[in-house]
Amino acid sequence: MDSKEHQERWSAIGQSDVADVCREICESIVGLERAFEAGELSSRLTSGCFEQVLGPLLYETYGKLADNAPGPLQHLRADAVRALLAQLQNDLVPTQVAHAEVRMPPEGDSWATEPGTNSPPRLRFKLVDASFDGASSTTLRLDQMLDARFWRIGFRFETLDLCDAFAQAIVRSATHRLASDLLGLQRILEYFSPKTLKPELRIVPHPRDRRFEHLILDILNEDDRHATAARLAWISTEPKLPNARQRPYLFRSPL
């Protein structure tokens, strides 16, 4: 099922809804993680309206987890999920809000279109002039505005339609990322051995420990988008050797 179909199955989210959506997602995930640890995830998923709260992608992620059982590394999962939820709050609940005035590029300009983007048509403006409390403005691309959420910077547009469209893009991006990282987390735990792990191991860093990484990303993407934050894990598609287990490759840095 593609992202458009997923979005149609999830209620529209406006700017004023984002903080409540974040809170409800976090509370639901905490409850589902407790159910998973107790071996009750499958029945818990069917007993509430979790798909409406989590959205289809996150809901399907926990549907896949229901086929597994907590193992000896459950404490690592618990710590990683706390870090992932902290990042979700970082992305969805800003502490600073800048005014954003859309700047339409001239027709035919390279910023006018961006092939392959999943952004809604209402956000195909690509450039804004952003400022805090009337201070001098800074020109930002749409991808830079999305990345600025790591620093808990939000944006208020001149029209409610644009505010709501940007809010939906933010929620969609953050929840897709969370669903991907939760799947990656489970893959990692399946290949770790409790006997060889160091006690201080942390699979997912908390946002405060990722500031340097995101600062480098911002620098690399200053003039154009060249880099993105690495996924937590992915599965190699290289041909497997005889009798060899397919293992996940782990990202430690996007650089």
C-alpha atoms as a PDB file:
ATOM      1  CA  MET A   1       0.000   0.000   0.000  1.00  0.00           C
ATOM      2  CA  ASP A   2       1.510   3.353  -1.036  1.00  0.00           C
ATOM      3  CA  SER A   3       1.818   6.467   1.112  1.00  0.00           C
ATOM      4  CA  LYS A   4      -1.194   8.143  -0.544  1.00  0.00           C
ATOM      5  CA  GLU A   5      -3.486   5.273   0.431  1.00  0.00           C
ATOM      6  CA  HIS A   6      -2.043   5.311   3.962  1.00  0.00           C
ATOM      7  CA  GLN A   7      -2.749   9.035   4.246  1.00  0.00           C
ATOM      8  CA  GLU A   8      -6.339   8.624   3.082  1.00  0.00           C
ATOM      9  CA  ARG A   9      -6.969   6.157   5.908  1.00  0.00           C
ATOM     10  CA  TRP A  10      -5.722   8.624   8.523  1.00  0.00           C
ATOM     11  CA  SER A  11      -7.777  11.590   9.636  1.00  0.00           C
ATOM     12  CA  ALA A  12      -6.638  15.032   8.486  1.00  0.00           C
ATOM     13  CA  ILE A  13      -4.408  16.744  11.032  1.00  0.00           C
ATOM     14  CA  GLY A  14      -4.284  20.506  11.416  1.00  0.00           C
ATOM     15  CA  GLN A  15      -1.674  22.697  13.060  1.00  0.00           C
ATOM     16  CA  SER A  16      -3.706  22.958  16.266  1.00  0.00           C
ATOM     17  CA  ASP A  17      -3.914  19.148  16.500  1.00  0.00           C
ATOM     18  CA  VAL A  18      -0.210  18.276  16.373  1.00  0.00           C
ATOM     19  CA  ALA A  19       0.601  18.485  20.094  1.00  0.00           C
ATOM     20  CA  ASP A  20      -2.400  16.303  20.968  1.00  0.00           C
ATOM     21  CA  VAL A  21      -1.510  13.843  18.197  1.00  0.00           C
ATOM     22  CA  CYS A  22       2.034  13.573  19.566  1.00  0.00           C
ATOM     23  CA  ARG A  23       0.781  12.971  23.098  1.00  0.00           C
ATOM     24  CA  GLU A  24      -1.714  10.324  21.981  1.00  0.00           C
ATOM     25  CA  ILE A  25       0.877   8.501  19.865  1.00  0.00           C
ATOM     26  CA  CYS A  26       3.385   8.448  22.727  1.00  0.00           C
ATOM     27  CA  GLU A  27       0.811   7.224  25.242  1.00  0.00           C
ATOM     28  CA  SER A  28      -0.393   4.516  22.846  1.00  0.00           C
ATOM     29  CA  ILE A  29       3.124   3.284  22.107  1.00  0.00           C
ATOM     30  CA  VAL A  30       3.992   3.147  25.808  1.00  0.00           C
ATOM     31  CA  GLY A  31       0.879   1.035  26.380  1.00  0.00           C
ATOM     32  CA  LEU A  32       1.626  -1.255  23.429  1.00  0.00           C
ATOM     33  CA  GLU A  33       5.231  -1.728  24.556  1.00  0.00           C
ATOM     34  CA  ARG A  34       3.987  -2.810  28.000  1.00  0.00           C
ATOM     35  CA  ALA A  35       1.563  -5.213  26.326  1.00  0.00           C
ATOM     36  CA  PHE A  36       4.399  -6.624  24.192  1.00  0.00           C
ATOM     37  CA  GLU A  37       6.554  -7.204  27.265  1.00  0.00           C
ATOM     38  CA  ALA A  38       3.635  -8.980  28.960  1.00  0.00           C
ATOM     39  CA  GLY A  39       2.950 -11.137  25.896  1.00  0.00           C
ATOM     40  CA  GLU A  40      -0.424  -9.465  25.313  1.00  0.00           C
ATOM     41  CA  LEU A  41       0.295  -7.294  22.272  1.00  0.00           C
ATOM     42  CA  SER A  42      -1.938  -9.148  19.817  1.00  0.00           C
ATOM     43  CA  SER A  43      -5.047  -8.889  21.999  1.00  0.00           C
ATOM     44  CA  ARG A  44      -4.216  -5.293  22.982  1.00  0.00           C
ATOM     45  CA  LEU A  45      -4.041  -4.200  19.344  1.00  0.00           C
ATOM     46  CA  THR A  46      -7.564  -5.435  18.707  1.00  0.00           C
ATOM     47  CA  SER A  47      -9.055  -3.957  21.866  1.00  0.00           C
ATOM     48  CA  GLY A  48      -8.634  -0.268  21.094  1.00  0.00           C
ATOM     49  CA  CYS A  49      -8.710   2.296  18.297  1.00  0.00           C
ATOM     50  CA  PHE A  50      -4.969   2.255  17.802  1.00  0.00           C
ATOM     51  CA  GLU A  51      -4.999   2.598  14.018  1.00  0.00           C
ATOM     52  CA  GLN A  52      -6.843   5.916  14.269  1.00  0.00           C
ATOM     53  CA  VAL A  53      -4.293   7.190  16.789  1.00  0.00           C
ATOM     54  CA  LEU A  54      -1.057   5.781  15.384  1.00  0.00           C
ATOM     55  CA  GLY A  55      -1.854   5.944  11.699  1.00  0.00           C
ATOM     56  CA  PRO A  56      -1.638   2.928   9.379  1.00  0.00           C
ATOM     57  CA  LEU A  57       2.160   2.620   9.189  1.00  0.00           C
ATOM     58  CA  LEU A  58       2.803   2.586  12.939  1.00  0.00           C
ATOM     59  CA  TYR A  59      -0.193   0.332  13.487  1.00  0.00           C
ATOM     60  CA  GLU A  60       1.131  -2.177  10.939  1.00  0.00           C
ATOM     61  CA  THR A  61       4.557  -2.008  12.587  1.00  0.00           C
ATOM     62  CA  TYR A  62       3.069  -3.205  15.862  1.00  0.00           C
ATOM     63  CA  GLY A  63       1.008  -5.792  13.999  1.00  0.00           C
ATOM     64  CA  LYS A  64       4.286  -7.303  12.778  1.00  0.00           C
ATOM     65  CA  LEU A  65       5.756  -7.141  16.272  1.00  0.00           C
ATOM     66  CA  ALA A  66       2.814  -9.150  17.629  1.00  0.00           C
ATOM     67  CA  ASP A  67       4.312 -12.271  16.013  1.00  0.00           C
ATOM     68  CA  ASN A  68       7.452 -11.926  18.180  1.00  0.00           C
ATOM     69  CA  ALA A  69       8.103 -12.354  21.879  1.00  0.00           C
ATOM     70  CA  PRO A  70      10.239 -10.217  24.197  1.00  0.00           C
ATOM     71  CA  GLY A  71      13.697 -11.652  24.680  1.00  0.00           C
ATOM     72  CA  PRO A  72      16.644 -11.185  27.025  1.00  0.00           C
ATOM     73  CA  LEU A  73      17.426  -7.798  25.430  1.00  0.00           C
ATOM     74  CA  GLN A  74      14.062  -6.259  26.239  1.00  0.00           C
ATOM     75  CA  HIS A  75      15.767  -3.637  28.432  1.00  0.00           C
ATOM     76  CA  LEU A  76      17.634  -2.396  25.339  1.00  0.00           C
ATOM     77  CA  ARG A  77      14.370  -2.154  23.443  1.00  0.00           C
ATOM     78  CA  ALA A  78      12.769  -0.175  26.264  1.00  0.00           C
ATOM     79  CA  ASP A  79      15.636   2.332  26.300  1.00  0.00           C
ATOM     80  CA  ALA A  80      15.593   2.648  22.502  1.00  0.00           C
ATOM     81  CA  VAL A  81      11.827   3.224  22.380  1.00  0.00           C
ATOM     82  CA  ARG A  82      12.144   5.989  24.989  1.00  0.00           C
ATOM     83  CA  ALA A  83      14.760   7.667  22.784  1.00  0.00           C
ATOM     84  CA  LEU A  84      12.586   7.303  19.669  1.00  0.00           C
ATOM     85  CA  LEU A  85       9.592   8.846  21.447  1.00  0.00           C
ATOM     86  CA  ALA A  86      11.784  11.711  22.648  1.00  0.00           C
ATOM     87  CA  GLN A  87      12.758  12.312  19.029  1.00  0.00           C
ATOM     88  CA  LEU A  88       9.097  12.240  17.981  1.00  0.00           C
ATOM     89  CA  GLN A  89       8.328  14.923  20.575  1.00  0.00           C
ATOM     90  CA  ASN A  90      11.332  16.873  19.325  1.00  0.00           C
ATOM     91  CA  ASP A  91       9.944  16.795  15.781  1.00  0.00           C
ATOM     92  CA  LEU A  92       6.304  17.518  16.544  1.00  0.00           C
ATOM     93  CA  VAL A  93       6.284  19.961  19.469  1.00  0.00           C
ATOM     94  CA  PRO A  94       8.383  23.083  18.766  1.00  0.00           C
ATOM     95  CA  THR A  95       9.575  25.439  21.465  1.00  0.00           C
ATOM     96  CA  GLN A  96      10.167  28.343  19.041  1.00  0.00           C
ATOM     97  CA  VAL A  97       7.925  29.438  16.184  1.00  0.00           C
ATOM     98  CA  ALA A  98       9.099  31.546  13.238  1.00  0.00           C
ATOM     99  CA  HIS A  99       6.897  33.434  10.802  1.00  0.00           C
ATOM    100  CA  ALA A 100       7.159  31.952   7.303  1.00  0.00           C
ATOM    101  CA  GLU A 101       6.251  33.974   4.220  1.00  0.00           C
ATOM    102  CA  VAL A 102       6.071  31.949   1.026  1.00  0.00           C
ATOM    103  CA  ARG A 103       8.353  33.121  -1.763  1.00  0.00           C
ATOM    104  CA  MET A 104       7.349  31.767  -5.134  1.00  0.00           C
ATOM    105  CA  PRO A 105      10.373  31.220  -7.415  1.00  0.00           C
ATOM    106  CA  PRO A 106      10.240  32.486 -11.006  1.00  0.00           C
ATOM    107  CA  GLU A 107       8.695  30.051 -13.456  1.00  0.00           C
ATOM    108  CA  GLY A 108      11.342  27.705 -14.795  1.00  0.00           C
ATOM    109  CA  ASP A 109      13.577  28.213 -11.758  1.00  0.00           C
ATOM    110  CA  SER A 110      15.217  25.030 -10.444  1.00  0.00           C
ATOM    111  CA  TRP A 111      13.331  25.436  -7.154  1.00  0.00           C
ATOM    112  CA  ALA A 112       9.936  25.504  -8.851  1.00  0.00           C
ATOM    113  CA  THR A 113       9.653  21.736  -9.074  1.00  0.00           C
ATOM    114  CA  GLU A 114      11.327  18.814  -7.433  1.00  0.00           C
ATOM    115  CA  PRO A 115      10.742  15.442  -9.147  1.00  0.00           C
ATOM    116  CA  GLY A 116       9.999  12.523  -6.881  1.00  0.00           C
ATOM    117  CA  THR A 117       8.823  14.521  -3.880  1.00  0.00           C
ATOM    118  CA  ASN A 118       5.942  13.216  -1.758  1.00  0.00           C
ATOM    119  CA  SER A 119       4.950  16.669  -0.532  1.00  0.00           C
ATOM    120  CA  PRO A 120       1.307  17.690  -0.991  1.00  0.00           C
ATOM    121  CA  PRO A 121       0.702  20.114  -3.900  1.00  0.00           C
ATOM    122  CA  ARG A 122      -0.129  22.902  -1.444  1.00  0.00           C
ATOM    123  CA  LEU A 123       3.470  22.764  -0.208  1.00  0.00           C
ATOM    124  CA  ARG A 124       5.143  22.879  -3.618  1.00  0.00           C
ATOM    125  CA  PHE A 125       6.321  26.437  -2.956  1.00  0.00           C
ATOM    126  CA  LYS A 126       9.882  25.306  -2.107  1.00  0.00           C
ATOM    127  CA  LEU A 127      11.059  28.599  -0.591  1.00  0.00           C
ATOM    128  CA  VAL A 128      10.021  30.745   2.367  1.00  0.00           C
ATOM    129  CA  ASP A 129      11.402  33.795   4.096  1.00  0.00           C
ATOM    130  CA  ALA A 130      11.468  32.898   7.797  1.00  0.00           C
ATOM    131  CA  SER A 131      11.998  35.290  10.687  1.00  0.00           C
ATOM    132  CA  PHE A 132      11.534  35.544  14.459  1.00  0.00           C
ATOM    133  CA  ASP A 133       9.576  38.534  15.810  1.00  0.00           C
ATOM    134  CA  GLY A 134      10.295  40.837  12.908  1.00  0.00           C
ATOM    135  CA  ALA A 135      14.041  40.192  12.837  1.00  0.00           C
ATOM    136  CA  SER A 136      15.867  39.890   9.522  1.00  0.00           C
ATOM    137  CA  SER A 137      14.556  36.980   7.506  1.00  0.00           C
ATOM    138  CA  THR A 138      16.355  33.890   6.242  1.00  0.00           C
ATOM    139  CA  THR A 139      15.424  32.078   3.049  1.00  0.00           C
ATOM    140  CA  LEU A 140      14.768  28.384   3.638  1.00  0.00           C
ATOM    141  CA  ARG A 141      13.824  25.490   1.422  1.00  0.00           C
ATOM    142  CA  LEU A 142      10.989  23.181   2.417  1.00  0.00           C
ATOM    143  CA  ASP A 143      13.406  20.378   3.316  1.00  0.00           C
ATOM    144  CA  GLN A 144      15.330  22.771   5.594  1.00  0.00           C
ATOM    145  CA  MET A 145      12.068  23.671   7.340  1.00  0.00           C
ATOM    146  CA  LEU A 146      11.379  19.993   7.961  1.00  0.00           C
ATOM    147  CA  ASP A 147      14.923  19.459   9.249  1.00  0.00           C
ATOM    148  CA  ALA A 148      14.620  22.470  11.553  1.00  0.00           C
ATOM    149  CA  ARG A 149      12.130  20.515  13.661  1.00  0.00           C
ATOM    150  CA  PHE A 150      15.079  18.650  15.166  1.00  0.00           C
ATOM    151  CA  TRP A 151      15.987  21.964  16.806  1.00  0.00           C
ATOM    152  CA  ARG A 152      12.333  22.341  17.910  1.00  0.00           C
ATOM    153  CA  ILE A 153      11.714  25.233  15.520  1.00  0.00           C
ATOM    154  CA  GLY A 154       8.210  25.524  14.122  1.00  0.00           C
ATOM    155  CA  PHE A 155       6.760  27.786  11.427  1.00  0.00           C
ATOM    156  CA  ARG A 156       3.576  29.828  11.163  1.00  0.00           C
ATOM    157  CA  PHE A 157       2.370  30.670   7.657  1.00  0.00           C
ATOM    158  CA  GLU A 158       0.200  33.563   6.527  1.00  0.00           C
ATOM    159  CA  THR A 159      -2.795  31.302   5.834  1.00  0.00           C
ATOM    160  CA  LEU A 160      -4.393  28.516   7.869  1.00  0.00           C
ATOM    161  CA  ASP A 161      -4.395  26.190   4.846  1.00  0.00           C
ATOM    162  CA  LEU A 162      -0.609  26.368   4.605  1.00  0.00           C
ATOM    163  CA  CYS A 163      -0.234  25.923   8.370  1.00  0.00           C
ATOM    164  CA  ASP A 164      -2.378  22.793   8.270  1.00  0.00           C
ATOM    165  CA  ALA A 165      -0.663  21.390   5.167  1.00  0.00           C
ATOM    166  CA  PHE A 166       2.756  21.844   6.775  1.00  0.00           C
ATOM    167  CA  ALA A 167       1.505  20.220   9.987  1.00  0.00           C
ATOM    168  CA  GLN A 168       0.334  17.183   8.029  1.00  0.00           C
ATOM    169  CA  ALA A 169       3.702  16.950   6.273  1.00  0.00           C
ATOM    170  CA  ILE A 170       5.501  17.120   9.639  1.00  0.00           C
ATOM    171  CA  VAL A 171       3.346  14.393  11.221  1.00  0.00           C
ATOM    172  CA  ARG A 172       3.612  12.167   8.163  1.00  0.00           C
ATOM    173  CA  SER A 173       7.410  12.519   8.014  1.00  0.00           C
ATOM    174  CA  ALA A 174       7.918  11.940  11.750  1.00  0.00           C
ATOM    175  CA  THR A 175       5.620   8.905  11.987  1.00  0.00           C
ATOM    176  CA  HIS A 176       7.079   7.287   8.864  1.00  0.00           C
ATOM    177  CA  ARG A 177      10.531   7.689  10.369  1.00  0.00           C
ATOM    178  CA  LEU A 178       9.392   6.262  13.703  1.00  0.00           C
ATOM    179  CA  ALA A 179       7.792   3.238  12.021  1.00  0.00           C
ATOM    180  CA  SER A 180      10.993   2.569  10.063  1.00  0.00           C
ATOM    181  CA  ASP A 181      13.165   2.862  13.182  1.00  0.00           C
ATOM    182  CA  LEU A 182      10.911   0.564  15.225  1.00  0.00           C
ATOM    183  CA  LEU A 183      11.233  -2.119  12.551  1.00  0.00           C
ATOM    184  CA  GLY A 184      14.985  -1.548  12.407  1.00  0.00           C
ATOM    185  CA  LEU A 185      15.213  -1.829  16.183  1.00  0.00           C
ATOM    186  CA  GLN A 186      13.565  -5.250  16.153  1.00  0.00           C
ATOM    187  CA  ARG A 187      15.926  -6.461  13.422  1.00  0.00           C
ATOM    188  CA  ILE A 188      18.941  -5.306  15.409  1.00  0.00           C
ATOM    189  CA  LEU A 189      17.808  -7.033  18.584  1.00  0.00           C
ATOM    190  CA  GLU A 190      17.298 -10.299  16.704  1.00  0.00           C
ATOM    191  CA  TYR A 191      20.999 -10.406  15.814  1.00  0.00           C
ATOM    192  CA  PHE A 192      22.529  -9.260  19.090  1.00  0.00           C
ATOM    193  CA  SER A 193      23.937 -11.785  21.522  1.00  0.00           C
ATOM    194  CA  PRO A 194      23.406 -11.023  25.236  1.00  0.00           C
ATOM    195  CA  LYS A 195      26.751 -12.649  26.037  1.00  0.00           C
ATOM    196  CA  THR A 196      28.822 -10.211  23.991  1.00  0.00           C
ATOM    197  CA  LEU A 197      27.047  -6.923  24.733  1.00  0.00           C
ATOM    198  CA  LYS A 198      28.536  -4.195  26.851  1.00  0.00           C
ATOM    199  CA  PRO A 199      26.329  -3.072  29.769  1.00  0.00           C
ATOM    200  CA  GLU A 200      26.407   0.571  28.642  1.00  0.00           C
ATOM    201  CA  LEU A 201      25.261  -0.157  25.079  1.00  0.00           C
ATOM    202  CA  ARG A 202      22.686   2.264  23.712  1.00  0.00           C
ATOM    203  CA  ILE A 203      21.121   1.451  20.341  1.00  0.00           C
ATOM    204  CA  VAL A 204      19.324   4.758  19.788  1.00  0.00           C
ATOM    205  CA  PRO A 205      20.855   8.008  21.058  1.00  0.00           C
ATOM    206  CA  HIS A 206      18.601  10.556  22.673  1.00  0.00           C
ATOM    207  CA  PRO A 207      18.097  13.824  20.742  1.00  0.00           C
ATOM    208  CA  ARG A 208      20.552  15.741  22.927  1.00  0.00           C
ATOM    209  CA  ASP A 209      23.271  13.271  21.861  1.00  0.00           C
ATOM    210  CA  ARG A 210      22.551  13.776  18.144  1.00  0.00           C
ATOM    211  CA  ARG A 211      23.064  17.525  17.980  1.00  0.00           C
ATOM    212  CA  PHE A 212      26.500  17.383  16.342  1.00  0.00           C
ATOM    213  CA  GLU A 213      25.235  14.933  13.712  1.00  0.00           C
ATOM    214  CA  HIS A 214      22.361  17.250  12.785  1.00  0.00           C
ATOM    215  CA  LEU A 215      24.600  20.305  12.805  1.00  0.00           C
ATOM    216  CA  ILE A 216      26.795  18.600  10.190  1.00  0.00           C
ATOM    217  CA  LEU A 217      23.681  17.675   8.184  1.00  0.00           C
ATOM    218  CA  ASP A 218      22.552  21.317   8.232  1.00  0.00           C
ATOM    219  CA  ILE A 219      25.968  22.455   6.997  1.00  0.00           C
ATOM    220  CA  LEU A 220      26.053  19.858   4.207  1.00  0.00           C
ATOM    221  CA  ASN A 221      22.537  20.837   3.121  1.00  0.00           C
ATOM    222  CA  GLU A 222      23.010  24.595   3.289  1.00  0.00           C
ATOM    223  CA  ASP A 223      23.058  25.202  -0.486  1.00  0.00           C
ATOM    224  CA  ASP A 224      21.237  22.079  -1.642  1.00  0.00           C
ATOM    225  CA  ARG A 225      20.059  18.778  -0.170  1.00  0.00           C
ATOM    226  CA  HIS A 226      23.015  16.405  -0.224  1.00  0.00           C
ATOM    227  CA  ALA A 227      22.553  14.272   2.905  1.00  0.00           C
ATOM    228  CA  THR A 228      19.828  12.827   5.095  1.00  0.00           C
ATOM    229  CA  ALA A 229      19.869  11.270   8.555  1.00  0.00           C
ATOM    230  CA  ALA A 230      20.676   7.579   8.329  1.00  0.00           C
ATOM    231  CA  ARG A 231      18.079   4.941   9.007  1.00  0.00           C
ATOM    232  CA  LEU A 232      18.584   2.922  12.144  1.00  0.00           C
ATOM    233  CA  ALA A 233      19.151  -0.279  10.156  1.00  0.00           C
ATOM    234  CA  TRP A 234      18.547  -1.872   6.807  1.00  0.00           C
ATOM    235  CA  ILE A 235      18.788  -5.399   5.465  1.00  0.00           C
ATOM    236  CA  SER A 236      21.468  -6.146   2.919  1.00  0.00           C
ATOM    237  CA  THR A 237      20.142  -7.264  -0.466  1.00  0.00           C
ATOM    238  CA  GLU A 238      23.461  -8.803  -1.520  1.00  0.00           C
ATOM    239  CA  PRO A 239      23.360 -12.518  -2.434  1.00  0.00           C
ATOM    240  CA  LYS A 240      23.829 -14.666   0.628  1.00  0.00           C
ATOM    241  CA  LEU A 241      26.711 -17.089   0.863  1.00  0.00           C
ATOM    242  CA  PRO A 242      25.873 -20.746   1.472  1.00  0.00           C
ATOM    243  CA  ASN A 243      24.906 -21.363   5.099  1.00  0.00           C
ATOM    244  CA  ALA A 244      25.255 -17.649   5.907  1.00  0.00           C
ATOM    245  CA  ARG A 245      22.618 -15.696   7.811  1.00  0.00           C
ATOM    246  CA  GLN A 246      21.468 -12.417   6.334  1.00  0.00           C
ATOM    247  CA  ARG A 247      22.439  -9.706   8.787  1.00  0.00           C
ATOM    248  CA  PRO A 248      21.335  -6.105   9.121  1.00  0.00           C
ATOM    249  CA  TYR A 249      23.837  -3.372   8.361  1.00  0.00           C
ATOM    250  CA  LEU A 250      23.807  -0.826  11.181  1.00  0.00           C
ATOM    251  CA  PHE A 251      24.219   2.903  10.602  1.00  0.00           C
ATOM    252  CA  ARG A 252      26.223   4.833  13.130  1.00  0.00           C
ATOM    253  CA  SER A 253      26.476   8.042  11.115  1.00  0.00           C
ATOM    254  CA  PRO A 254      25.062   9.398   7.864  1.00  0.00           C
ATOM    255  CA  LEU A 255      28.490  10.690   6.813  1.00  0.00           C
END
